Amino acid sequence: MKRAMALLMMAMFSMAVLSGCNTVAGAGKDVQKVGEKVEDKAQDCKDGRC
């Protein structure tokens, strides 16, 4: 019984860790896109099209 409970806990912990990695990766991509938009806008303003 203890072994089954330990396996269940390990499986739940693994799922939480893996889903957390996907969330952080998605957030990183979102931040990268925002950074690109800011760079584009800064370049436009630098060229006098602001």
N, C-alpha and C. Protein backbone atom coordinates (compact mmCIF):
# COMPACT_ATOMS: atom_id res chain seq x y z
N MET A 1 0.82 -1.19 0.00
CA MET A 1 0.00 0.00 0.00
C MET A 1 0.87 1.26 0.00
N LYS A 2 1.95 1.23 0.79
CA LYS A 2 2.84 2.37 0.85
C LYS A 2 3.50 2.62 -0.51
N ARG A 3 3.83 1.53 -1.18
CA ARG A 3 4.49 1.66 -2.49
C ARG A 3 3.54 2.29 -3.50
N ALA A 4 2.28 1.88 -3.52
CA ALA A 4 1.29 2.45 -4.44
C ALA A 4 1.09 3.93 -4.15
N MET A 5 1.04 4.29 -2.88
CA MET A 5 0.86 5.68 -2.51
C MET A 5 2.08 6.51 -2.92
N ALA A 6 3.27 5.95 -2.76
CA ALA A 6 4.49 6.65 -3.15
C ALA A 6 4.52 6.86 -4.67
N LEU A 7 4.13 5.85 -5.42
CA LEU A 7 4.10 5.97 -6.88
C LEU A 7 3.07 7.01 -7.33
N LEU A 8 1.93 7.02 -6.68
CA LEU A 8 0.90 8.00 -6.99
C LEU A 8 1.39 9.42 -6.71
N MET A 9 2.04 9.61 -5.57
CA MET A 9 2.57 10.93 -5.22
C MET A 9 3.65 11.37 -6.21
N MET A 10 4.51 10.45 -6.62
CA MET A 10 5.56 10.78 -7.60
C MET A 10 4.95 11.15 -8.94
N ALA A 11 3.92 10.45 -9.34
CA ALA A 11 3.26 10.75 -10.61
C ALA A 11 2.60 12.12 -10.56
N MET A 12 1.95 12.44 -9.46
CA MET A 12 1.31 13.75 -9.33
C MET A 12 2.35 14.86 -9.31
N PHE A 13 3.45 14.66 -8.62
CA PHE A 13 4.53 15.66 -8.57
C PHE A 13 5.13 15.86 -9.96
N SER A 14 5.34 14.77 -10.68
CA SER A 14 5.92 14.86 -12.03
C SER A 14 4.99 15.64 -12.97
N MET A 15 3.69 15.39 -12.87
CA MET A 15 2.75 16.10 -13.73
C MET A 15 2.75 17.59 -13.40
N ALA A 16 2.83 17.94 -12.13
CA ALA A 16 2.85 19.34 -11.73
C ALA A 16 4.10 20.03 -12.26
N VAL A 17 5.24 19.37 -12.16
CA VAL A 17 6.50 19.96 -12.63
C VAL A 17 6.47 20.15 -14.14
N LEU A 18 6.01 19.15 -14.86
CA LEU A 18 5.98 19.24 -16.32
C LEU A 18 5.01 20.30 -16.81
N SER A 19 3.87 20.42 -16.19
CA SER A 19 2.92 21.45 -16.61
C SER A 19 3.47 22.83 -16.26
N GLY A 20 4.21 22.95 -15.18
CA GLY A 20 4.83 24.21 -14.81
C GLY A 20 5.86 24.64 -15.85
N CYS A 21 6.61 23.70 -16.38
CA CYS A 21 7.61 24.02 -17.41
C CYS A 21 6.93 24.56 -18.66
N ASN A 22 5.82 23.97 -19.04
CA ASN A 22 5.10 24.46 -20.22
C ASN A 22 4.58 25.87 -20.00
N THR A 23 4.12 26.14 -18.79
CA THR A 23 3.59 27.46 -18.48
C THR A 23 4.69 28.51 -18.55
N VAL A 24 5.84 28.20 -17.98
CA VAL A 24 6.97 29.14 -17.99
C VAL A 24 7.47 29.34 -19.41
N ALA A 25 7.51 28.28 -20.20
CA ALA A 25 7.96 28.43 -21.59
C ALA A 25 6.98 29.30 -22.37
N GLY A 26 5.70 29.13 -22.16
CA GLY A 26 4.70 29.95 -22.83
C GLY A 26 4.81 31.41 -22.42
N ALA A 27 5.04 31.65 -21.14
CA ALA A 27 5.19 33.03 -20.66
C ALA A 27 6.44 33.66 -21.27
N GLY A 28 7.49 32.90 -21.39
CA GLY A 28 8.73 33.41 -22.00
C GLY A 28 8.51 33.81 -23.45
N LYS A 29 7.74 33.03 -24.18
CA LYS A 29 7.44 33.38 -25.57
C LYS A 29 6.60 34.65 -25.65
N ASP A 30 5.66 34.80 -24.72
CA ASP A 30 4.83 36.01 -24.69
C ASP A 30 5.69 37.25 -24.42
N VAL A 31 6.59 37.14 -23.47
CA VAL A 31 7.46 38.26 -23.14
C VAL A 31 8.36 38.60 -24.32
N GLN A 32 8.83 37.58 -25.02
CA GLN A 32 9.68 37.80 -26.19
C GLN A 32 8.92 38.56 -27.27
N LYS A 33 7.67 38.20 -27.50
CA LYS A 33 6.86 38.89 -28.51
C LYS A 33 6.65 40.35 -28.14
N VAL A 34 6.39 40.61 -26.85
CA VAL A 34 6.21 41.98 -26.40
C VAL A 34 7.50 42.77 -26.62
N GLY A 35 8.63 42.16 -26.32
CA GLY A 35 9.92 42.82 -26.54
C GLY A 35 10.14 43.17 -28.00
N GLU A 36 9.75 42.28 -28.88
CA GLU A 36 9.89 42.54 -30.31
C GLU A 36 9.02 43.73 -30.73
N LYS A 37 7.81 43.80 -30.21
CA LYS A 37 6.92 44.93 -30.53
C LYS A 37 7.50 46.25 -30.03
N VAL A 38 8.08 46.23 -28.83
CA VAL A 38 8.70 47.44 -28.29
C VAL A 38 9.88 47.86 -29.16
N GLU A 39 10.68 46.90 -29.58
CA GLU A 39 11.82 47.21 -30.45
C GLU A 39 11.34 47.81 -31.77
N ASP A 40 10.29 47.25 -32.34
CA ASP A 40 9.76 47.77 -33.60
C ASP A 40 9.27 49.21 -33.43
N LYS A 41 8.57 49.48 -32.35
CA LYS A 41 8.05 50.82 -32.09
C LYS A 41 9.19 51.81 -31.86
N ALA A 42 10.21 51.37 -31.13
CA ALA A 42 11.37 52.24 -30.89
C ALA A 42 12.08 52.56 -32.20
N GLN A 43 12.18 51.59 -33.07
CA GLN A 43 12.82 51.82 -34.37
C GLN A 43 12.00 52.80 -35.21
N ASP A 44 10.66 52.65 -35.17
CA ASP A 44 9.79 53.57 -35.89
C ASP A 44 9.97 55.01 -35.38
N CYS A 45 10.03 55.17 -34.07
CA CYS A 45 10.21 56.50 -33.49
C CYS A 45 11.58 57.07 -33.84
N LYS A 46 12.57 56.21 -33.88
CA LYS A 46 13.92 56.65 -34.24
C LYS A 46 13.96 57.15 -35.68
N ASP A 47 13.16 56.54 -36.54
CA ASP A 47 13.10 56.93 -37.96
C ASP A 47 12.20 58.13 -38.18
N GLY A 48 11.56 58.64 -37.14
CA GLY A 48 10.70 59.81 -37.26
C GLY A 48 9.26 59.50 -37.62
N ARG A 49 8.86 58.26 -37.52
CA ARG A 49 7.48 57.87 -37.85
C ARG A 49 6.65 57.65 -36.59
N CYS A 50 7.02 58.28 -35.52
CA CYS A 50 6.37 58.05 -34.23
C CYS A 50 5.09 58.81 -34.08
